[in-house]
PDB file of all heavy atoms in Angstrom:
ATOM      1  N   VAL A   1     -11.856 -63.561 -30.232  1.00  0.00           N
ATOM      2  CA  VAL A   1     -12.059 -62.159 -30.607  1.00  0.00           C
ATOM      3  C   VAL A   1     -10.995 -61.277 -29.949  1.00  0.00           C
ATOM      4  O   VAL A   1     -10.463 -60.358 -30.572  1.00  0.00           O
ATOM      5  CB  VAL A   1     -13.497 -61.712 -30.257  1.00  0.00           C
ATOM      6  CG1 VAL A   1     -13.687 -60.238 -30.505  1.00  0.00           C
ATOM      7  CG2 VAL A   1     -14.517 -62.526 -31.051  1.00  0.00           C
ATOM      8  N   HIS A   2     -10.654 -61.565 -28.712  1.00  0.00           N
ATOM      9  CA  HIS A   2      -9.598 -60.821 -28.018  1.00  0.00           C
ATOM     10  C   HIS A   2      -8.280 -60.945 -28.777  1.00  0.00           C
ATOM     11  O   HIS A   2      -7.556 -59.955 -28.940  1.00  0.00           O
ATOM     12  CB  HIS A   2      -9.440 -61.347 -26.581  1.00  0.00           C
ATOM     13  CG  HIS A   2      -8.373 -60.671 -25.803  1.00  0.00           C
ATOM     14  ND1 HIS A   2      -7.066 -61.114 -25.796  1.00  0.00           N
ATOM     15  CD2 HIS A   2      -8.410 -59.574 -24.995  1.00  0.00           C
ATOM     16  CE1 HIS A   2      -6.343 -60.323 -25.015  1.00  0.00           C
ATOM     17  NE2 HIS A   2      -7.131 -59.384 -24.523  1.00  0.00           N
ATOM     18  N   ALA A   3      -7.975 -62.134 -29.258  1.00  0.00           N
ATOM     19  CA  ALA A   3      -6.731 -62.359 -30.000  1.00  0.00           C
ATOM     20  C   ALA A   3      -6.682 -61.540 -31.287  1.00  0.00           C
ATOM     21  O   ALA A   3      -5.591 -61.195 -31.759  1.00  0.00           O
ATOM     22  CB  ALA A   3      -6.571 -63.850 -30.312  1.00  0.00           C
ATOM     23  N   ARG A   4      -7.841 -61.208 -31.827  1.00  0.00           N
ATOM     24  CA  ARG A   4      -7.899 -60.370 -33.035  1.00  0.00           C
ATOM     25  C   ARG A   4      -7.792 -58.889 -32.706  1.00  0.00           C
ATOM     26  O   ARG A   4      -7.759 -58.058 -33.609  1.00  0.00           O
ATOM     27  CB  ARG A   4      -9.197 -60.626 -33.805  1.00  0.00           C
ATOM     28  CG  ARG A   4      -9.240 -61.999 -34.450  1.00  0.00           C
ATOM     29  CD  ARG A   4     -10.421 -62.231 -35.382  1.00  0.00           C
ATOM     30  NE  ARG A   4     -11.367 -61.174 -35.513  1.00  0.00           N
ATOM     31  CZ  ARG A   4     -12.695 -61.305 -35.377  1.00  0.00           C
ATOM     32  NH1 ARG A   4     -13.207 -62.470 -35.087  1.00  0.00           N
ATOM     33  NH2 ARG A   4     -13.494 -60.271 -35.547  1.00  0.00           N
ATOM     34  N   GLY A   5      -7.791 -58.541 -31.418  1.00  0.00           N
ATOM     35  CA  GLY A   5      -7.625 -57.156 -31.012  1.00  0.00           C
ATOM     36  C   GLY A   5      -8.892 -56.332 -30.966  1.00  0.00           C
ATOM     37  O   GLY A   5      -8.836 -55.109 -30.879  1.00  0.00           O
ATOM     38  N   LEU A   6     -10.047 -56.974 -31.011  1.00  0.00           N
ATOM     39  CA  LEU A   6     -11.308 -56.241 -30.980  1.00  0.00           C
ATOM     40  C   LEU A   6     -11.535 -55.664 -29.580  1.00  0.00           C
ATOM     41  O   LEU A   6     -11.306 -56.351 -28.586  1.00  0.00           O
ATOM     42  CB  LEU A   6     -12.456 -57.190 -31.336  1.00  0.00           C
ATOM     43  CG  LEU A   6     -13.729 -56.600 -31.902  1.00  0.00           C
ATOM     44  CD1 LEU A   6     -13.452 -55.888 -33.234  1.00  0.00           C
ATOM     45  CD2 LEU A   6     -14.756 -57.685 -32.115  1.00  0.00           C
ATOM     46  N   PRO A   7     -11.973 -54.405 -29.469  1.00  0.00           N
ATOM     47  CA  PRO A   7     -12.265 -53.827 -28.149  1.00  0.00           C
ATOM     48  C   PRO A   7     -13.376 -54.606 -27.449  1.00  0.00           C
ATOM     49  O   PRO A   7     -14.254 -55.184 -28.089  1.00  0.00           O
ATOM     50  CB  PRO A   7     -12.724 -52.403 -28.462  1.00  0.00           C
ATOM     51  CG  PRO A   7     -12.226 -52.120 -29.835  1.00  0.00           C
ATOM     52  CD  PRO A   7     -12.184 -53.441 -30.552  1.00  0.00           C
ATOM     53  N   VAL A   8     -13.359 -54.574 -26.141  1.00  0.00           N
ATOM     54  CA  VAL A   8     -14.291 -55.372 -25.355  1.00  0.00           C
ATOM     55  C   VAL A   8     -15.751 -55.003 -25.637  1.00  0.00           C
ATOM     56  O   VAL A   8     -16.618 -55.879 -25.665  1.00  0.00           O
ATOM     57  CB  VAL A   8     -13.960 -55.295 -23.848  1.00  0.00           C
ATOM     58  CG1 VAL A   8     -14.253 -53.911 -23.282  1.00  0.00           C
ATOM     59  CG2 VAL A   8     -14.703 -56.368 -23.090  1.00  0.00           C
ATOM     60  N   GLN A   9     -16.047 -53.725 -25.878  1.00  0.00           N
ATOM     61  CA  GLN A   9     -17.427 -53.335 -26.154  1.00  0.00           C
ATOM     62  C   GLN A   9     -17.923 -53.989 -27.452  1.00  0.00           C
ATOM     63  O   GLN A   9     -19.066 -54.432 -27.533  1.00  0.00           O
ATOM     64  CB  GLN A   9     -17.556 -51.805 -26.257  1.00  0.00           C
ATOM     65  CG  GLN A   9     -17.344 -51.079 -24.947  1.00  0.00           C
ATOM     66  CD  GLN A   9     -15.856 -50.874 -24.608  1.00  0.00           C
ATOM     67  OE1 GLN A   9     -14.962 -51.238 -25.375  1.00  0.00           O
ATOM     68  NE2 GLN A   9     -15.602 -50.322 -23.444  1.00  0.00           N
ATOM     69  N   GLU A  10     -17.058 -54.051 -28.445  1.00  0.00           N
ATOM     70  CA  GLU A  10     -17.442 -54.705 -29.704  1.00  0.00           C
ATOM     71  C   GLU A  10     -17.557 -56.211 -29.515  1.00  0.00           C
ATOM     72  O   GLU A  10     -18.412 -56.850 -30.122  1.00  0.00           O
ATOM     73  CB  GLU A  10     -16.432 -54.367 -30.792  1.00  0.00           C
ATOM     74  CG  GLU A  10     -16.505 -52.919 -31.233  1.00  0.00           C
ATOM     75  CD  GLU A  10     -15.505 -52.594 -32.335  1.00  0.00           C
ATOM     76  OE1 GLU A  10     -15.313 -53.446 -33.231  1.00  0.00           O
ATOM     77  OE2 GLU A  10     -14.916 -51.505 -32.276  1.00  0.00           O
ATOM     78  N   THR A  11     -16.714 -56.764 -28.666  1.00  0.00           N
ATOM     79  CA  THR A  11     -16.801 -58.194 -28.379  1.00  0.00           C
ATOM     80  C   THR A  11     -18.149 -58.526 -27.757  1.00  0.00           C
ATOM     81  O   THR A  11     -18.785 -59.519 -28.109  1.00  0.00           O
ATOM     82  CB  THR A  11     -15.661 -58.625 -27.443  1.00  0.00           C
ATOM     83  OG1 THR A  11     -14.422 -58.367 -28.101  1.00  0.00           O
ATOM     84  CG2 THR A  11     -15.752 -60.092 -27.079  1.00  0.00           C
ATOM     85  N   ALA A  12     -18.605 -57.673 -26.843  1.00  0.00           N
ATOM     86  CA  ALA A  12     -19.913 -57.890 -26.224  1.00  0.00           C
ATOM     87  C   ALA A  12     -21.014 -57.872 -27.280  1.00  0.00           C
ATOM     88  O   ALA A  12     -21.942 -58.695 -27.243  1.00  0.00           O
ATOM     89  CB  ALA A  12     -20.162 -56.828 -25.155  1.00  0.00           C
ATOM     90  N   GLN A  13     -20.909 -56.968 -28.246  1.00  0.00           N
ATOM     91  CA  GLN A  13     -21.907 -56.910 -29.322  1.00  0.00           C
ATOM     92  C   GLN A  13     -21.857 -58.170 -30.181  1.00  0.00           C
ATOM     93  O   GLN A  13     -22.895 -58.707 -30.574  1.00  0.00           O
ATOM     94  CB  GLN A  13     -21.678 -55.669 -30.170  1.00  0.00           C
ATOM     95  CG  GLN A  13     -21.980 -54.386 -29.436  1.00  0.00           C
ATOM     96  CD  GLN A  13     -21.551 -53.145 -30.203  1.00  0.00           C
ATOM     97  OE1 GLN A  13     -20.850 -53.220 -31.201  1.00  0.00           O
ATOM     98  NE2 GLN A  13     -21.981 -51.991 -29.718  1.00  0.00           N
ATOM     99  N   VAL A  14     -20.656 -58.650 -30.469  1.00  0.00           N
ATOM    100  CA  VAL A  14     -20.498 -59.890 -31.241  1.00  0.00           C
ATOM    101  C   VAL A  14     -21.153 -61.048 -30.496  1.00  0.00           C
ATOM    102  O   VAL A  14     -21.908 -61.833 -31.077  1.00  0.00           O
ATOM    103  CB  VAL A  14     -19.000 -60.190 -31.508  1.00  0.00           C
ATOM    104  CG1 VAL A  14     -18.800 -61.615 -32.008  1.00  0.00           C
ATOM    105  CG2 VAL A  14     -18.423 -59.187 -32.490  1.00  0.00           C
ATOM    106  N   LEU A  15     -20.886 -61.150 -29.210  1.00  0.00           N
ATOM    107  CA  LEU A  15     -21.455 -62.241 -28.416  1.00  0.00           C
ATOM    108  C   LEU A  15     -22.980 -62.192 -28.435  1.00  0.00           C
ATOM    109  O   LEU A  15     -23.636 -63.219 -28.583  1.00  0.00           O
ATOM    110  CB  LEU A  15     -20.958 -62.168 -26.969  1.00  0.00           C
ATOM    111  CG  LEU A  15     -19.493 -62.498 -26.738  1.00  0.00           C
ATOM    112  CD1 LEU A  15     -19.111 -62.193 -25.299  1.00  0.00           C
ATOM    113  CD2 LEU A  15     -19.191 -63.946 -27.073  1.00  0.00           C
ATOM    114  N   ARG A  16     -23.536 -61.020 -28.288  1.00  0.00           N
ATOM    115  CA  ARG A  16     -24.993 -60.912 -28.273  1.00  0.00           C
ATOM    116  C   ARG A  16     -25.590 -61.259 -29.635  1.00  0.00           C
ATOM    117  O   ARG A  16     -26.611 -61.927 -29.726  1.00  0.00           O
ATOM    118  CB  ARG A  16     -25.436 -59.516 -27.848  1.00  0.00           C
ATOM    119  CG  ARG A  16     -26.948 -59.472 -27.638  1.00  0.00           C
ATOM    120  CD  ARG A  16     -27.326 -58.481 -26.586  1.00  0.00           C
ATOM    121  NE  ARG A  16     -28.703 -58.666 -26.176  1.00  0.00           N
ATOM    122  CZ  ARG A  16     -29.638 -57.748 -26.345  1.00  0.00           C
ATOM    123  NH1 ARG A  16     -29.363 -56.598 -26.908  1.00  0.00           N
ATOM    124  NH2 ARG A  16     -30.861 -57.974 -25.933  1.00  0.00           N
ATOM    125  N   ARG A  17     -24.936 -60.806 -30.705  1.00  0.00           N
ATOM    126  CA  ARG A  17     -25.419 -61.139 -32.057  1.00  0.00           C
ATOM    127  C   ARG A  17     -25.380 -62.651 -32.288  1.00  0.00           C
ATOM    128  O   ARG A  17     -26.240 -63.204 -32.951  1.00  0.00           O
ATOM    129  CB  ARG A  17     -24.537 -60.456 -33.110  1.00  0.00           C
ATOM    130  CG  ARG A  17     -25.100 -59.198 -33.680  1.00  0.00           C
ATOM    131  CD  ARG A  17     -24.393 -58.728 -34.930  1.00  0.00           C
ATOM    132  NE  ARG A  17     -22.959 -58.910 -34.965  1.00  0.00           N
ATOM    133  CZ  ARG A  17     -22.049 -58.036 -34.523  1.00  0.00           C
ATOM    134  NH1 ARG A  17     -22.423 -56.903 -33.996  1.00  0.00           N
ATOM    135  NH2 ARG A  17     -20.763 -58.294 -34.617  1.00  0.00           N
ATOM    136  N   GLU A  18     -24.361 -63.297 -31.771  1.00  0.00           N
ATOM    137  CA  GLU A  18     -24.172 -64.735 -32.003  1.00  0.00           C
ATOM    138  C   GLU A  18     -24.900 -65.606 -30.982  1.00  0.00           C
ATOM    139  O   GLU A  18     -24.895 -66.825 -31.117  1.00  0.00           O
ATOM    140  CB  GLU A  18     -22.684 -65.067 -31.974  1.00  0.00           C
ATOM    141  CG  GLU A  18     -21.909 -64.420 -33.101  1.00  0.00           C
ATOM    142  CD  GLU A  18     -20.421 -64.700 -33.024  1.00  0.00           C
ATOM    143  OE1 GLU A  18     -19.945 -65.263 -32.011  1.00  0.00           O
ATOM    144  OE2 GLU A  18     -19.718 -64.352 -33.987  1.00  0.00           O
ATOM    145  N   HIS A  19     -25.481 -65.004 -29.969  1.00  0.00           N
ATOM    146  CA  HIS A  19     -26.156 -65.742 -28.904  1.00  0.00           C
ATOM    147  C   HIS A  19     -27.243 -66.629 -29.515  1.00  0.00           C
ATOM    148  O   HIS A  19     -28.122 -66.149 -30.207  1.00  0.00           O
ATOM    149  CB  HIS A  19     -26.762 -64.757 -27.905  1.00  0.00           C
ATOM    150  CG  HIS A  19     -27.552 -65.395 -26.823  1.00  0.00           C
ATOM    151  ND1 HIS A  19     -26.975 -66.196 -25.868  1.00  0.00           N
ATOM    152  CD2 HIS A  19     -28.868 -65.366 -26.546  1.00  0.00           C
ATOM    153  CE1 HIS A  19     -27.909 -66.623 -25.048  1.00  0.00           C
ATOM    154  NE2 HIS A  19     -29.072 -66.124 -25.439  1.00  0.00           N
ATOM    155  N   ARG A  20     -27.167 -67.923 -29.265  1.00  0.00           N
ATOM    156  CA  ARG A  20     -28.076 -68.848 -29.919  1.00  0.00           C
ATOM    157  C   ARG A  20     -28.976 -69.619 -28.949  1.00  0.00           C
ATOM    158  O   ARG A  20     -29.723 -70.467 -29.356  1.00  0.00           O
ATOM    159  CB  ARG A  20     -27.281 -69.858 -30.738  1.00  0.00           C
ATOM    160  CG  ARG A  20     -26.365 -69.194 -31.743  1.00  0.00           C
ATOM    161  CD  ARG A  20     -26.432 -69.819 -33.089  1.00  0.00           C
ATOM    162  NE  ARG A  20     -25.492 -69.395 -34.089  1.00  0.00           N
ATOM    163  CZ  ARG A  20     -24.992 -68.213 -34.334  1.00  0.00           C
ATOM    164  NH1 ARG A  20     -25.278 -67.221 -33.560  1.00  0.00           N
ATOM    165  NH2 ARG A  20     -24.169 -67.961 -35.316  1.00  0.00           N
ATOM    166  N   ARG A  21     -28.876 -69.323 -27.675  1.00  0.00           N
ATOM    167  CA  ARG A  21     -29.649 -70.067 -26.687  1.00  0.00           C
ATOM    168  C   ARG A  21     -30.940 -69.324 -26.365  1.00  0.00           C
ATOM    169  O   ARG A  21     -30.958 -68.416 -25.549  1.00  0.00           O
ATOM    170  CB  ARG A  21     -28.828 -70.261 -25.409  1.00  0.00           C
ATOM    171  CG  ARG A  21     -27.594 -71.120 -25.539  1.00  0.00           C
ATOM    172  CD  ARG A  21     -27.866 -72.593 -25.394  1.00  0.00           C
ATOM    173  NE  ARG A  21     -28.589 -72.947 -24.210  1.00  0.00           N
ATOM    174  CZ  ARG A  21     -28.041 -73.412 -23.096  1.00  0.00           C
ATOM    175  NH1 ARG A  21     -26.754 -73.562 -22.992  1.00  0.00           N
ATOM    176  NH2 ARG A  21     -28.807 -73.718 -22.073  1.00  0.00           N
ATOM    177  N   ALA A  22     -32.023 -69.719 -27.013  1.00  0.00           N
ATOM    178  CA  ALA A  22     -33.315 -69.066 -26.801  1.00  0.00           C
ATOM    179  C   ALA A  22     -33.816 -69.265 -25.375  1.00  0.00           C
ATOM    180  O   ALA A  22     -34.647 -68.508 -24.892  1.00  0.00           O
ATOM    181  CB  ALA A  22     -34.332 -69.601 -27.793  1.00  0.00           C
ATOM    182  N   ASP A  23     -33.276 -70.283 -24.676  1.00  0.00           N
ATOM    183  CA  ASP A  23     -33.739 -70.560 -23.319  1.00  0.00           C
ATOM    184  C   ASP A  23     -33.047 -69.685 -22.278  1.00  0.00           C
ATOM    185  O   ASP A  23     -33.356 -69.764 -21.102  1.00  0.00           O
ATOM    186  CB  ASP A  23     -33.521 -72.037 -22.978  1.00  0.00           C
ATOM    187  CG  ASP A  23     -32.058 -72.454 -23.022  1.00  0.00           C
ATOM    188  OD1 ASP A  23     -31.318 -71.966 -23.896  1.00  0.00           O
ATOM    189  OD2 ASP A  23     -31.649 -73.278 -22.180  1.00  0.00           O
ATOM    190  N   LEU A  24     -32.117 -68.836 -22.699  1.00  0.00           N
ATOM    191  CA  LEU A  24     -31.393 -67.985 -21.756  1.00  0.00           C
ATOM    192  C   LEU A  24     -31.748 -66.520 -21.973  1.00  0.00           C
ATOM    193  O   LEU A  24     -31.590 -65.983 -23.068  1.00  0.00           O
ATOM    194  CB  LEU A  24     -29.878 -68.164 -21.916  1.00  0.00           C
ATOM    195  CG  LEU A  24     -29.313 -69.549 -21.611  1.00  0.00           C
ATOM    196  CD1 LEU A  24     -27.813 -69.560 -21.812  1.00  0.00           C
ATOM    197  CD2 LEU A  24     -29.669 -69.988 -20.197  1.00  0.00           C
ATOM    198  N   GLY A  25     -32.199 -65.875 -20.930  1.00  0.00           N
ATOM    199  CA  GLY A  25     -32.501 -64.458 -20.976  1.00  0.00           C
ATOM    200  C   GLY A  25     -31.346 -63.624 -20.467  1.00  0.00           C
ATOM    201  O   GLY A  25     -30.261 -64.139 -20.172  1.00  0.00           O
ATOM    202  N   LEU A  26     -31.565 -62.341 -20.338  1.00  0.00           N
ATOM    203  CA  LEU A  26     -30.596 -61.384 -19.815  1.00  0.00           C
ATOM    204  C   LEU A  26     -29.278 -61.410 -20.592  1.00  0.00           C
ATOM    205  O   LEU A  26     -28.187 -61.447 -20.026  1.00  0.00           O
ATOM    206  CB  LEU A  26     -30.354 -61.622 -18.320  1.00  0.00           C
ATOM    207  CG  LEU A  26     -31.590 -61.524 -17.430  1.00  0.00           C
ATOM    208  CD1 LEU A  26     -31.261 -61.885 -15.997  1.00  0.00           C
ATOM    209  CD2 LEU A  26     -32.230 -60.155 -17.506  1.00  0.00           C
ATOM    210  N   THR A  27     -29.400 -61.325 -21.906  1.00  0.00           N
ATOM    211  CA  THR A  27     -28.198 -61.413 -22.750  1.00  0.00           C
ATOM    212  C   THR A  27     -27.257 -60.228 -22.573  1.00  0.00           C
ATOM    213  O   THR A  27     -26.093 -60.314 -22.981  1.00  0.00           O
ATOM    214  CB  THR A  27     -28.580 -61.554 -24.235  1.00  0.00           C
ATOM    215  OG1 THR A  27     -29.398 -60.447 -24.610  1.00  0.00           O
ATOM    216  CG2 THR A  27     -29.318 -62.853 -24.485  1.00  0.00           C
ATOM    217  N   GLU A  28     -27.728 -59.138 -21.945  1.00  0.00           N
ATOM    218  CA  GLU A  28     -26.812 -58.032 -21.681  1.00  0.00           C
ATOM    219  C   GLU A  28     -25.680 -58.452 -20.743  1.00  0.00           C
ATOM    220  O   GLU A  28     -24.625 -57.827 -20.711  1.00  0.00           O
ATOM    221  CB  GLU A  28     -27.566 -56.820 -21.115  1.00  0.00           C
ATOM    222  CG  GLU A  28     -28.217 -57.032 -19.777  1.00  0.00           C
ATOM    223  CD  GLU A  28     -29.615 -57.634 -19.840  1.00  0.00           C
ATOM    224  OE1 GLU A  28     -30.064 -58.063 -20.922  1.00  0.00           O
ATOM    225  OE2 GLU A  28     -30.270 -57.673 -18.775  1.00  0.00           O
ATOM    226  N   ARG A  29     -25.875 -59.540 -20.021  1.00  0.00           N
ATOM    227  CA  ARG A  29     -24.819 -60.046 -19.143  1.00  0.00           C
ATOM    228  C   ARG A  29     -23.602 -60.537 -19.925  1.00  0.00           C
ATOM    229  O   ARG A  29     -22.537 -60.714 -19.357  1.00  0.00           O
ATOM    230  CB  ARG A  29     -25.360 -61.165 -18.270  1.00  0.00           C
ATOM    231  CG  ARG A  29     -26.326 -60.688 -17.221  1.00  0.00           C
ATOM    232  CD  ARG A  29     -26.827 -61.856 -16.422  1.00  0.00           C
ATOM    233  NE  ARG A  29     -27.661 -61.432 -15.312  1.00  0.00           N
ATOM    234  CZ  ARG A  29     -28.285 -62.285 -14.519  1.00  0.00           C
ATOM    235  NH1 ARG A  29     -28.167 -63.596 -14.718  1.00  0.00           N
ATOM    236  NH2 ARG A  29     -29.021 -61.838 -13.531  1.00  0.00           N
TER     237      ARG A  29
END
């Protein structure tokens, strides 16, 4: 995502949307 030039705040949103590990909490990290 960084290579595509997306700002870090949007990257964080992408990561959270794509987060697939139901066993992991605190996704804001």
